[in-house]
Amino acid sequence: MRRRAFLSLLGGGAATLPVTARAQQPRKLPTIGFLGQSTPVAESSRLAAFLERLRELGWIDGQTVAIEYGWAEGVGERFAEIARRFVQIKVDVIVTSGTASVVSAKQATTVIPIVLRWPAILSPTISSLACPGRAATSPACLQWPPT
């Protein structure tokens, strides 16, 4: 009888193991893919302003949001490679600026939103400020609260 009770206990513990393990997994943070034109040093002031604004809005890197960085280091061909990597790792949004990086991001995805860091957006990649098209937008186009 004691043997059966012991085996029942083991079986019950094994049955709850997957539920316990699943409950302990950390949730995936929303992820921003930051596609930089040059290097972290060259873009340090813009990057600091971006991170500060995120903090003001309650988005803290590593706590409430994850940021994946991709630096083209002035090499235009790297934009496509970085954008494809962001699509592969399934970032929730791509943040970038400049025509070449926007074109690469738009070619890599039509699903992931692309946010342009500043309104240098009247280019062949964006048809208008009111309706930039596909998944691209700019802070100049955003309203809060949404209507």
C-alpha atoms as a PDB file:
ATOM      1  CA  MET A   1       0.000   0.000   0.000  1.00  0.00           C
ATOM      2  CA  ARG A   2       2.804   2.424   0.861  1.00  0.00           C
ATOM      3  CA  ARG A   3       4.453   1.622  -2.441  1.00  0.00           C
ATOM      4  CA  ARG A   4       1.293   2.630  -4.354  1.00  0.00           C
ATOM      5  CA  ALA A   5       1.026   5.895  -2.421  1.00  0.00           C
ATOM      6  CA  PHE A   6       4.656   6.654  -3.176  1.00  0.00           C
ATOM      7  CA  LEU A   7       4.226   5.906  -6.898  1.00  0.00           C
ATOM      8  CA  SER A   8       1.075   8.045  -6.996  1.00  0.00           C
ATOM      9  CA  LEU A   9       2.990  10.894  -5.419  1.00  0.00           C
ATOM     10  CA  LEU A  10       5.779  10.587  -7.990  1.00  0.00           C
ATOM     11  CA  GLY A  11       3.298  10.368 -10.864  1.00  0.00           C
ATOM     12  CA  GLY A  12       1.371  13.411  -9.626  1.00  0.00           C
ATOM     13  CA  GLY A  13       4.573  15.427  -9.230  1.00  0.00           C
ATOM     14  CA  ALA A  14       5.726  14.501 -12.721  1.00  0.00           C
ATOM     15  CA  ALA A  15       2.369  15.484 -14.174  1.00  0.00           C
ATOM     16  CA  THR A  16       2.579  18.980 -12.655  1.00  0.00           C
ATOM     17  CA  LEU A  17       6.203  19.557 -13.702  1.00  0.00           C
ATOM     18  CA  PRO A  18       5.443  20.931 -17.194  1.00  0.00           C
ATOM     19  CA  VAL A  19       2.831  23.331 -15.774  1.00  0.00           C
ATOM     20  CA  THR A  20       5.271  24.602 -13.150  1.00  0.00           C
ATOM     21  CA  ALA A  21       8.085  25.003 -15.675  1.00  0.00           C
ATOM     22  CA  ARG A  22       5.780  26.865 -18.063  1.00  0.00           C
ATOM     23  CA  ALA A  23       4.616  29.218 -15.319  1.00  0.00           C
ATOM     24  CA  GLN A  24       8.192  30.187 -14.436  1.00  0.00           C
ATOM     25  CA  GLN A  25       9.242  31.218 -17.936  1.00  0.00           C
ATOM     26  CA  PRO A  26       9.697  34.971 -18.227  1.00  0.00           C
ATOM     27  CA  ARG A  27       7.406  36.753 -20.637  1.00  0.00           C
ATOM     28  CA  LYS A  28       8.912  38.086 -23.831  1.00  0.00           C
ATOM     29  CA  LEU A  29       9.496  41.808 -23.687  1.00  0.00           C
ATOM     30  CA  PRO A  30       8.315  43.929 -26.618  1.00  0.00           C
ATOM     31  CA  THR A  31      11.348  44.325 -28.863  1.00  0.00           C
ATOM     32  CA  ILE A  32      12.522  47.373 -30.799  1.00  0.00           C
ATOM     33  CA  GLY A  33      14.922  46.865 -33.697  1.00  0.00           C
ATOM     34  CA  PHE A  34      17.085  50.011 -33.809  1.00  0.00           C
ATOM     35  CA  LEU A  35      18.688  50.282 -37.248  1.00  0.00           C
ATOM     36  CA  GLY A  36      21.486  52.854 -36.946  1.00  0.00           C
ATOM     37  CA  GLN A  37      23.020  54.617 -39.934  1.00  0.00           C
ATOM     38  CA  SER A  38      26.564  54.732 -38.626  1.00  0.00           C
ATOM     39  CA  THR A  39      28.130  53.706 -35.296  1.00  0.00           C
ATOM     40  CA  PRO A  40      26.983  53.911 -31.662  1.00  0.00           C
ATOM     41  CA  VAL A  41      29.622  56.597 -31.014  1.00  0.00           C
ATOM     42  CA  ALA A  42      28.578  58.740 -33.981  1.00  0.00           C
ATOM     43  CA  GLU A  43      24.898  58.472 -33.045  1.00  0.00           C
ATOM     44  CA  SER A  44      25.373  58.673 -29.282  1.00  0.00           C
ATOM     45  CA  SER A  45      23.511  61.961 -28.761  1.00  0.00           C
ATOM     46  CA  ARG A  46      20.538  60.869 -30.888  1.00  0.00           C
ATOM     47  CA  LEU A  47      20.513  57.455 -29.249  1.00  0.00           C
ATOM     48  CA  ALA A  48      20.615  59.029 -25.779  1.00  0.00           C
ATOM     49  CA  ALA A  49      17.669  61.287 -26.675  1.00  0.00           C
ATOM     50  CA  PHE A  50      15.737  58.289 -28.028  1.00  0.00           C
ATOM     51  CA  LEU A  51      16.368  56.225 -24.884  1.00  0.00           C
ATOM     52  CA  GLU A  52      15.506  59.170 -22.633  1.00  0.00           C
ATOM     53  CA  ARG A  53      12.176  59.674 -24.397  1.00  0.00           C
ATOM     54  CA  LEU A  54      11.416  55.957 -24.091  1.00  0.00           C
ATOM     55  CA  ARG A  55      12.153  56.204 -20.343  1.00  0.00           C
ATOM     56  CA  GLU A  56       9.824  59.205 -20.023  1.00  0.00           C
ATOM     57  CA  LEU A  57       7.102  57.081 -21.594  1.00  0.00           C
ATOM     58  CA  GLY A  58       7.781  54.197 -19.198  1.00  0.00           C
ATOM     59  CA  TRP A  59       9.795  52.001 -21.594  1.00  0.00           C
ATOM     60  CA  ILE A  60      13.050  51.014 -19.895  1.00  0.00           C
ATOM     61  CA  ASP A  61      15.578  48.971 -21.856  1.00  0.00           C
ATOM     62  CA  GLY A  62      15.892  45.512 -20.314  1.00  0.00           C
ATOM     63  CA  GLN A  63      12.926  45.970 -17.975  1.00  0.00           C
ATOM     64  CA  THR A  64       9.839  46.880 -19.996  1.00  0.00           C
ATOM     65  CA  VAL A  65      11.292  46.717 -23.510  1.00  0.00           C
ATOM     66  CA  ALA A  66      14.193  44.989 -25.247  1.00  0.00           C
ATOM     67  CA  ILE A  67      16.226  46.846 -27.856  1.00  0.00           C
ATOM     68  CA  GLU A  68      18.171  45.042 -30.559  1.00  0.00           C
ATOM     69  CA  TYR A  69      20.757  47.269 -32.220  1.00  0.00           C
ATOM     70  CA  GLY A  70      22.042  47.010 -35.759  1.00  0.00           C
ATOM     71  CA  TRP A  71      24.720  49.469 -36.893  1.00  0.00           C
ATOM     72  CA  ALA A  72      25.378  49.920 -40.612  1.00  0.00           C
ATOM     73  CA  GLU A  73      28.642  51.769 -39.853  1.00  0.00           C
ATOM     74  CA  GLY A  74      28.181  53.888 -42.976  1.00  0.00           C
ATOM     75  CA  VAL A  75      27.954  50.835 -45.267  1.00  0.00           C
ATOM     76  CA  GLY A  76      24.673  51.018 -47.187  1.00  0.00           C
ATOM     77  CA  GLU A  77      24.707  47.312 -48.060  1.00  0.00           C
ATOM     78  CA  ARG A  78      24.417  46.435 -44.367  1.00  0.00           C
ATOM     79  CA  PHE A  79      20.896  47.893 -44.077  1.00  0.00           C
ATOM     80  CA  ALA A  80      19.297  44.924 -45.845  1.00  0.00           C
ATOM     81  CA  GLU A  81      21.273  42.425 -43.754  1.00  0.00           C
ATOM     82  CA  ILE A  82      20.284  44.126 -40.485  1.00  0.00           C
ATOM     83  CA  ALA A  83      16.629  44.476 -41.537  1.00  0.00           C
ATOM     84  CA  ARG A  84      16.475  40.755 -42.430  1.00  0.00           C
ATOM     85  CA  ARG A  85      17.973  39.877 -39.033  1.00  0.00           C
ATOM     86  CA  PHE A  86      15.322  41.984 -37.300  1.00  0.00           C
ATOM     87  CA  VAL A  87      12.611  40.124 -39.232  1.00  0.00           C
ATOM     88  CA  GLN A  88      14.166  36.749 -38.305  1.00  0.00           C
ATOM     89  CA  ILE A  89      14.260  37.537 -34.601  1.00  0.00           C
ATOM     90  CA  LYS A  90      10.720  38.934 -34.825  1.00  0.00           C
ATOM     91  CA  VAL A  91      11.173  42.439 -33.451  1.00  0.00           C
ATOM     92  CA  ASP A  92       7.896  44.251 -32.795  1.00  0.00           C
ATOM     93  CA  VAL A  93       8.935  47.507 -34.473  1.00  0.00           C
ATOM     94  CA  ILE A  94      11.900  48.788 -36.504  1.00  0.00           C
ATOM     95  CA  VAL A  95      13.167  52.289 -35.728  1.00  0.00           C
ATOM     96  CA  THR A  96      15.402  53.931 -38.328  1.00  0.00           C
ATOM     97  CA  SER A  97      15.997  57.038 -40.432  1.00  0.00           C
ATOM     98  CA  GLY A  98      17.232  57.838 -43.900  1.00  0.00           C
ATOM     99  CA  THR A  99      16.079  56.695 -47.295  1.00  0.00           C
ATOM    100  CA  ALA A 100      18.401  53.689 -47.734  1.00  0.00           C
ATOM    101  CA  SER A 101      17.577  52.130 -44.369  1.00  0.00           C
ATOM    102  CA  VAL A 102      13.830  52.707 -44.823  1.00  0.00           C
ATOM    103  CA  VAL A 103      13.914  51.089 -48.280  1.00  0.00           C
ATOM    104  CA  SER A 104      15.762  48.072 -46.860  1.00  0.00           C
ATOM    105  CA  ALA A 105      13.346  47.728 -43.947  1.00  0.00           C
ATOM    106  CA  LYS A 106      10.310  48.043 -46.238  1.00  0.00           C
ATOM    107  CA  GLN A 107      11.755  45.372 -48.560  1.00  0.00           C
ATOM    108  CA  ALA A 108      12.390  43.041 -45.608  1.00  0.00           C
ATOM    109  CA  THR A 109       8.868  43.252 -44.155  1.00  0.00           C
ATOM    110  CA  THR A 110       5.368  44.458 -44.802  1.00  0.00           C
ATOM    111  CA  VAL A 111       4.162  43.319 -41.376  1.00  0.00           C
ATOM    112  CA  ILE A 112       6.543  44.860 -38.826  1.00  0.00           C
ATOM    113  CA  PRO A 113       5.886  48.581 -38.304  1.00  0.00           C
ATOM    114  CA  ILE A 114       8.739  50.886 -39.329  1.00  0.00           C
ATOM    115  CA  VAL A 115       9.077  54.127 -37.369  1.00  0.00           C
ATOM    116  CA  LEU A 116      11.288  56.877 -38.741  1.00  0.00           C
ATOM    117  CA  ARG A 117      13.218  58.680 -36.018  1.00  0.00           C
ATOM    118  CA  TRP A 118      12.771  62.169 -37.444  1.00  0.00           C
ATOM    119  CA  PRO A 119      10.804  63.617 -40.315  1.00  0.00           C
ATOM    120  CA  ALA A 120      13.368  63.178 -43.047  1.00  0.00           C
ATOM    121  CA  ILE A 121      10.623  61.193 -44.647  1.00  0.00           C
ATOM    122  CA  LEU A 122       9.565  63.027 -47.785  1.00  0.00           C
ATOM    123  CA  SER A 123      11.553  60.769 -50.012  1.00  0.00           C
ATOM    124  CA  PRO A 124      10.734  58.222 -52.690  1.00  0.00           C
ATOM    125  CA  THR A 125      10.012  55.705 -49.904  1.00  0.00           C
ATOM    126  CA  ILE A 126       7.133  57.700 -48.365  1.00  0.00           C
ATOM    127  CA  SER A 127       4.239  58.970 -50.448  1.00  0.00           C
ATOM    128  CA  SER A 128       2.928  61.574 -47.961  1.00  0.00           C
ATOM    129  CA  LEU A 129       3.044  62.668 -44.334  1.00  0.00           C
ATOM    130  CA  ALA A 130      -0.644  61.927 -43.852  1.00  0.00           C
ATOM    131  CA  CYS A 131      -0.422  58.392 -45.219  1.00  0.00           C
ATOM    132  CA  PRO A 132       3.167  57.128 -45.415  1.00  0.00           C
ATOM    133  CA  GLY A 133       2.002  53.744 -46.708  1.00  0.00           C
ATOM    134  CA  ARG A 134       2.447  50.121 -45.807  1.00  0.00           C
ATOM    135  CA  ALA A 135       4.011  49.704 -42.386  1.00  0.00           C
ATOM    136  CA  ALA A 136       6.037  52.949 -42.237  1.00  0.00           C
ATOM    137  CA  THR A 137       5.241  55.949 -40.071  1.00  0.00           C
ATOM    138  CA  SER A 138       6.979  58.802 -38.306  1.00  0.00           C
ATOM    139  CA  PRO A 139       6.579  60.539 -34.945  1.00  0.00           C
ATOM    140  CA  ALA A 140       5.409  63.546 -36.974  1.00  0.00           C
ATOM    141  CA  CYS A 141       2.446  61.412 -38.114  1.00  0.00           C
ATOM    142  CA  LEU A 142       1.518  59.961 -34.744  1.00  0.00           C
ATOM    143  CA  GLN A 143      -1.262  61.285 -32.548  1.00  0.00           C
ATOM    144  CA  TRP A 144      -1.856  60.439 -28.928  1.00  0.00           C
ATOM    145  CA  PRO A 145      -4.339  59.336 -27.887  1.00  0.00           C
ATOM    146  CA  PRO A 146      -5.218  57.551 -31.120  1.00  0.00           C
ATOM    147  CA  THR A 147      -8.510  58.601 -32.678  1.00  0.00           C
END
